[in-house]
Amino acid sequence: MSSELKKRIVSAIVLAVGSLWATWMGGLAFDILSAVIMISIYYEWSTMTGLSARHYPSYAFGWFAIALLSLNLIVGDPALGVPLLAGLTMTALILLYLRDCSGWFPGGIFYAGLSGISLAAIRGSDATGFVAMIYVFAIVWATDILAFFVGRAIGGKKLAPRISPGKTWSGAIGGTVSGVIAGGAVSFSFFPQLSFRTLGLALLLSIASQIGDLFESFIKRRFGVKDSSHLIPGHGGVMDRVDGLVFAGFTAFLLAVIHAAWSDAGGTSVAAFVFGL
């Protein structure tokens, strides 16, 4: 076994055990994990897009924004997360207009900030939040793994050749089917009935996770980098590992917010929305 493969295996085990432990514990442990993901994503986004090398005042504001969002996530009020993110993103857009800096600057704040906020909101603080997070993990992991193997086994027409030449329509369909099955299996393991709502959401999250993968591939191709960073030995960067997860998290979180506003159910958690509780 090569030393590179050993590094990949050890890193994968550490990441999986740490993530699942934080998910099981919930509360502060998962909020810290979400904040670490947020900070890592902004660091990698800034590095890939060159924000650190130009327009220093805007770059400094970006880190101030991420630090503020992280602190609110860990010791603040979760209800303030979205309004705070919206205000910081709008401020970044104003700075973009006034200083003519890179458009990737406000995008990085929004993308990284929403990543942490969404994941923390899905996990929440109760047992249902644990199930919801495992449900999202299962969909994303099943989609990613089966898309790879089905795509290699069947091949066929490319999904997005200009962005990610290795991905095929057969892999995307295979990944989506497996994601729905995995999400349904998790739901049925914890709840007596399997609803069309849960299966339909699994379908949307599986598709969203693949869009997230393509989105990160687009950024890397746009800036000519192979990995988002070298933070994870043998695996590249955090964005390389969570691109599908954060897009699936975005989708579940935003749909829950829209549903709460539409039905006037302001106190409904993301987990309750996922399982129709």
Protein backbone atom coordinates (compact mmCIF):
# COMPACT_ATOMS: atom_id res chain seq x y z
CA MET A 1 0.00 0.00 0.00
CA SER A 2 1.42 3.38 -1.03
CA SER A 3 2.01 6.14 1.51
CA GLU A 4 -0.47 8.37 -0.36
CA LEU A 5 -3.21 5.75 -0.10
CA LYS A 6 -2.47 5.30 3.60
CA LYS A 7 -2.86 9.05 4.11
CA ARG A 8 -6.19 9.01 2.27
CA ILE A 9 -7.51 6.12 4.37
CA VAL A 10 -6.40 7.61 7.69
CA SER A 11 -7.80 11.04 6.76
CA ALA A 12 -11.10 9.51 5.64
CA ILE A 13 -11.47 7.57 8.91
CA VAL A 14 -10.66 10.62 11.04
CA LEU A 15 -13.08 12.80 9.09
CA ALA A 16 -15.89 10.24 9.20
CA VAL A 17 -15.49 9.48 12.92
CA GLY A 18 -15.19 13.16 13.85
CA SER A 19 -18.19 14.20 11.77
CA LEU A 20 -20.41 11.38 13.03
CA TRP A 21 -19.37 12.01 16.63
CA ALA A 22 -20.24 15.71 16.33
CA THR A 23 -23.53 14.79 14.67
CA TRP A 24 -24.38 12.38 17.47
CA MET A 25 -23.48 14.91 20.16
CA GLY A 26 -25.26 17.82 18.48
CA GLY A 27 -25.38 21.15 20.28
CA LEU A 28 -22.05 22.92 20.71
CA ALA A 29 -20.04 20.07 19.14
CA PHE A 30 -21.94 20.25 15.85
CA ASP A 31 -22.07 24.05 15.89
CA ILE A 32 -18.27 24.09 16.16
CA LEU A 33 -18.02 21.59 13.28
CA SER A 34 -20.32 23.80 11.18
CA ALA A 35 -18.22 26.87 12.00
CA VAL A 36 -15.00 25.04 11.07
CA ILE A 37 -16.54 24.05 7.74
CA MET A 38 -17.63 27.67 7.17
CA ILE A 39 -14.18 29.07 7.94
CA SER A 40 -12.41 26.44 5.84
CA ILE A 41 -14.67 27.06 2.86
CA TYR A 42 -14.08 30.80 2.99
CA TYR A 43 -10.31 30.29 3.24
CA GLU A 44 -10.31 27.96 0.22
CA TRP A 45 -12.71 30.17 -1.76
CA SER A 46 -10.53 33.23 -1.09
CA THR A 47 -7.35 31.38 -2.03
CA MET A 48 -8.73 29.87 -5.24
CA THR A 49 -10.30 33.11 -6.46
CA GLY A 50 -7.31 35.29 -5.51
CA LEU A 51 -9.11 37.47 -2.98
CA SER A 52 -6.15 37.39 -0.61
CA ALA A 53 -3.85 38.89 -3.20
CA ARG A 54 -5.82 42.05 -3.99
CA HIS A 55 -8.27 44.55 -2.49
CA TYR A 56 -7.04 43.97 1.06
CA PRO A 57 -9.77 46.02 2.84
CA SER A 58 -12.49 43.91 1.22
CA TYR A 59 -10.60 40.72 2.04
CA ALA A 60 -10.29 41.82 5.68
CA PHE A 61 -14.02 42.58 5.82
CA GLY A 62 -14.71 39.10 4.45
CA TRP A 63 -12.83 37.51 7.32
CA PHE A 64 -14.57 39.81 9.79
CA ALA A 65 -17.92 38.67 8.38
CA ILE A 66 -17.02 34.97 8.62
CA ALA A 67 -15.70 35.43 12.17
CA LEU A 68 -18.95 37.16 13.19
CA LEU A 69 -21.08 34.46 11.60
CA SER A 70 -19.02 31.74 13.28
CA LEU A 71 -19.31 33.36 16.71
CA ASN A 72 -23.06 33.72 16.29
CA LEU A 73 -23.25 30.08 15.27
CA ILE A 74 -21.39 28.91 18.38
CA VAL A 75 -22.46 31.31 21.15
CA GLY A 76 -25.15 33.51 19.60
CA ASP A 77 -28.78 33.20 18.54
CA PRO A 78 -29.43 30.79 15.63
CA ALA A 79 -32.42 32.91 14.60
CA LEU A 80 -30.03 35.78 13.82
CA GLY A 81 -28.00 33.70 11.37
CA VAL A 82 -29.92 34.46 8.19
CA PRO A 83 -30.51 38.20 8.88
CA LEU A 84 -26.84 38.57 9.83
CA LEU A 85 -25.70 36.76 6.68
CA ALA A 86 -28.02 38.90 4.55
CA GLY A 87 -26.70 42.13 6.11
CA LEU A 88 -23.05 41.14 5.72
CA THR A 89 -23.59 40.01 2.12
CA MET A 90 -25.36 43.28 1.28
CA THR A 91 -22.49 45.23 2.85
CA ALA A 92 -20.05 43.23 0.74
CA LEU A 93 -22.09 44.05 -2.38
CA ILE A 94 -21.95 47.75 -1.48
CA LEU A 95 -18.17 47.51 -1.05
CA LEU A 96 -18.01 45.74 -4.39
CA TYR A 97 -19.86 48.65 -6.01
CA LEU A 98 -17.79 51.33 -4.30
CA ARG A 99 -14.37 49.73 -4.63
CA ASP A 100 -14.79 47.78 -7.87
CA CYS A 101 -13.34 44.65 -6.25
CA SER A 102 -13.89 41.05 -7.31
CA GLY A 103 -17.44 39.74 -7.55
CA TRP A 104 -16.17 36.55 -5.91
CA PHE A 105 -15.84 38.52 -2.65
CA PRO A 106 -19.55 38.77 -1.66
CA GLY A 107 -20.14 35.35 -3.22
CA GLY A 108 -17.61 33.79 -0.85
CA ILE A 109 -19.23 35.31 2.24
CA PHE A 110 -22.67 34.11 1.15
CA TYR A 111 -21.55 30.61 0.11
CA ALA A 112 -19.42 29.93 3.19
CA GLY A 113 -21.89 31.55 5.59
CA LEU A 114 -24.93 29.71 4.28
CA SER A 115 -22.96 26.43 4.40
CA GLY A 116 -22.44 26.65 8.16
CA ILE A 117 -25.89 28.07 8.93
CA SER A 118 -27.69 25.40 6.89
CA LEU A 119 -25.85 22.45 8.42
CA ALA A 120 -26.31 23.73 11.98
CA ALA A 121 -30.02 24.35 11.35
CA ILE A 122 -30.58 20.85 9.98
CA ARG A 123 -28.90 19.20 13.00
CA GLY A 124 -30.66 21.45 15.49
CA SER A 125 -30.60 20.38 19.11
CA ASP A 126 -32.97 17.41 19.34
CA ALA A 127 -33.08 13.75 18.32
CA THR A 128 -35.07 14.47 15.18
CA GLY A 129 -32.29 16.79 14.04
CA PHE A 130 -29.82 13.90 14.39
CA VAL A 131 -31.99 11.76 12.11
CA ALA A 132 -32.34 14.62 9.61
CA MET A 133 -28.57 15.09 9.44
CA ILE A 134 -27.98 11.36 8.96
CA TYR A 135 -30.68 11.44 6.26
CA VAL A 136 -28.81 14.20 4.41
CA PHE A 137 -25.45 12.44 4.86
CA ALA A 138 -26.88 9.18 3.50
CA ILE A 139 -28.36 10.85 0.43
CA VAL A 140 -25.17 12.76 -0.41
CA TRP A 141 -22.81 9.84 0.21
CA ALA A 142 -24.96 7.33 -1.69
CA THR A 143 -25.34 9.75 -4.58
CA ASP A 144 -21.61 10.43 -4.77
CA ILE A 145 -20.48 6.80 -4.50
CA LEU A 146 -23.04 5.24 -6.83
CA ALA A 147 -22.71 8.03 -9.40
CA PHE A 148 -19.01 7.19 -9.64
CA PHE A 149 -19.44 3.43 -9.95
CA VAL A 150 -22.50 3.48 -12.22
CA GLY A 151 -20.85 6.08 -14.45
CA ARG A 152 -17.72 3.97 -14.79
CA ALA A 153 -19.68 0.76 -15.38
CA ILE A 154 -22.16 2.10 -17.96
CA GLY A 155 -20.50 5.23 -19.36
CA GLY A 156 -22.41 7.04 -22.07
CA LYS A 157 -23.17 10.69 -22.74
CA LYS A 158 -21.29 13.25 -20.68
CA LEU A 159 -23.27 15.26 -18.15
CA ALA A 160 -21.30 18.52 -18.33
CA PRO A 161 -18.15 17.95 -20.42
CA ARG A 162 -16.93 21.55 -20.21
CA ILE A 163 -17.07 21.56 -16.41
CA SER A 164 -16.39 17.97 -15.34
CA PRO A 165 -15.50 15.66 -18.26
CA GLY A 166 -15.66 12.49 -16.16
CA LYS A 167 -19.32 12.74 -15.16
CA THR A 168 -21.99 11.00 -17.23
CA TRP A 169 -25.77 11.03 -17.39
CA SER A 170 -25.84 7.36 -16.44
CA GLY A 171 -23.81 8.11 -13.32
CA ALA A 172 -26.04 11.06 -12.43
CA ILE A 173 -29.21 8.95 -12.77
CA GLY A 174 -27.69 6.03 -10.88
CA GLY A 175 -26.54 8.36 -8.12
CA THR A 176 -29.96 9.98 -7.86
CA VAL A 177 -31.78 6.65 -7.61
CA SER A 178 -29.38 5.43 -4.91
CA GLY A 179 -29.70 8.74 -3.05
CA VAL A 180 -33.49 8.41 -2.92
CA ILE A 181 -33.20 4.80 -1.73
CA ALA A 182 -30.67 5.76 0.97
CA GLY A 183 -32.80 8.67 2.18
CA GLY A 184 -35.89 6.49 2.26
CA ALA A 185 -34.03 3.77 4.18
CA VAL A 186 -32.88 6.22 6.86
CA SER A 187 -36.36 7.69 7.22
CA PHE A 188 -38.03 4.26 7.42
CA SER A 189 -35.48 3.12 10.02
CA PHE A 190 -36.62 5.81 12.45
CA PHE A 191 -40.25 6.48 11.53
CA PRO A 192 -43.08 3.96 10.98
CA GLN A 193 -44.25 5.38 7.65
CA LEU A 194 -42.38 6.41 4.55
CA SER A 195 -43.97 9.49 2.98
CA PHE A 196 -43.84 10.78 -0.58
CA ARG A 197 -42.66 14.06 0.93
CA THR A 198 -39.51 12.45 2.34
CA LEU A 199 -38.78 10.58 -0.90
CA GLY A 200 -39.44 13.70 -2.99
CA LEU A 201 -37.09 15.72 -0.82
CA ALA A 202 -34.46 12.97 -1.13
CA LEU A 203 -34.74 13.32 -4.91
CA LEU A 204 -34.23 17.09 -4.71
CA LEU A 205 -31.29 16.78 -2.29
CA SER A 206 -29.60 14.18 -4.47
CA ILE A 207 -29.87 16.44 -7.51
CA ALA A 208 -28.70 19.41 -5.44
CA SER A 209 -25.65 17.51 -4.22
CA GLN A 210 -24.62 16.80 -7.83
CA ILE A 211 -25.13 20.45 -8.75
CA GLY A 212 -22.87 21.36 -5.84
CA ASP A 213 -20.20 19.01 -7.15
CA LEU A 214 -20.44 20.60 -10.61
CA PHE A 215 -20.36 24.09 -9.11
CA GLU A 216 -17.09 23.45 -7.33
CA SER A 217 -15.66 21.81 -10.46
CA PHE A 218 -16.59 24.99 -12.35
CA ILE A 219 -14.73 27.19 -9.85
CA LYS A 220 -11.63 25.00 -9.93
CA ARG A 221 -11.63 24.90 -13.73
CA ARG A 222 -12.24 28.66 -13.87
CA PHE A 223 -9.13 29.35 -11.77
CA GLY A 224 -7.03 26.43 -12.99
CA VAL A 225 -6.61 24.52 -9.71
CA LYS A 226 -6.79 20.77 -9.10
CA ASP A 227 -7.83 20.85 -5.43
CA SER A 228 -9.49 23.57 -3.38
CA SER A 229 -6.55 23.37 -0.91
CA HIS A 230 -4.29 20.88 0.83
CA LEU A 231 -5.94 21.06 4.25
CA ILE A 232 -6.85 17.34 4.27
CA PRO A 233 -3.89 14.99 3.68
CA GLY A 234 -4.51 12.87 0.60
CA HIS A 235 -7.91 14.41 -0.09
CA GLY A 236 -7.32 18.02 -1.11
CA GLY A 237 -9.50 20.61 0.55
CA VAL A 238 -12.65 20.85 2.61
CA MET A 239 -14.66 22.14 -0.36
CA ASP A 240 -13.60 19.04 -2.31
CA ARG A 241 -15.23 16.88 0.38
CA VAL A 242 -18.37 18.89 1.22
CA ASP A 243 -19.39 20.46 -2.10
CA GLY A 244 -22.39 18.15 -2.50
CA LEU A 245 -23.23 18.25 1.20
CA VAL A 246 -23.46 22.03 1.42
CA PHE A 247 -25.70 22.30 -1.67
CA ALA A 248 -27.98 19.60 -0.26
CA GLY A 249 -27.93 21.50 3.04
CA PHE A 250 -28.82 24.74 1.23
CA THR A 251 -31.77 23.05 -0.43
CA ALA A 252 -33.20 21.47 2.73
CA PHE A 253 -32.73 24.63 4.76
CA LEU A 254 -34.15 27.06 2.21
CA LEU A 255 -37.14 24.83 1.47
CA ALA A 256 -37.85 24.64 5.21
CA VAL A 257 -37.63 28.44 5.50
CA ILE A 258 -39.96 28.92 2.51
CA HIS A 259 -42.41 26.35 3.89
CA ALA A 260 -42.42 28.01 7.32
CA ALA A 261 -43.10 31.42 5.77
CA TRP A 262 -45.76 30.07 3.40
CA SER A 263 -47.63 28.09 6.05
CA ASP A 264 -47.03 30.62 8.84
CA ALA A 265 -45.28 27.90 10.87
CA GLY A 266 -42.42 30.04 12.10
CA GLY A 267 -41.31 27.67 14.86
CA THR A 268 -40.98 24.59 12.65
CA SER A 269 -37.46 23.13 12.62
CA VAL A 270 -35.74 21.96 9.45
CA ALA A 271 -35.89 18.36 10.73
CA ALA A 272 -39.65 18.63 11.32
CA PHE A 273 -40.08 19.93 7.78
CA VAL A 274 -37.97 17.09 6.32
CA PHE A 275 -40.11 14.37 7.90
CA GLY A 276 -43.43 16.24 7.85
CA LEU A 277 -43.77 16.29 11.64
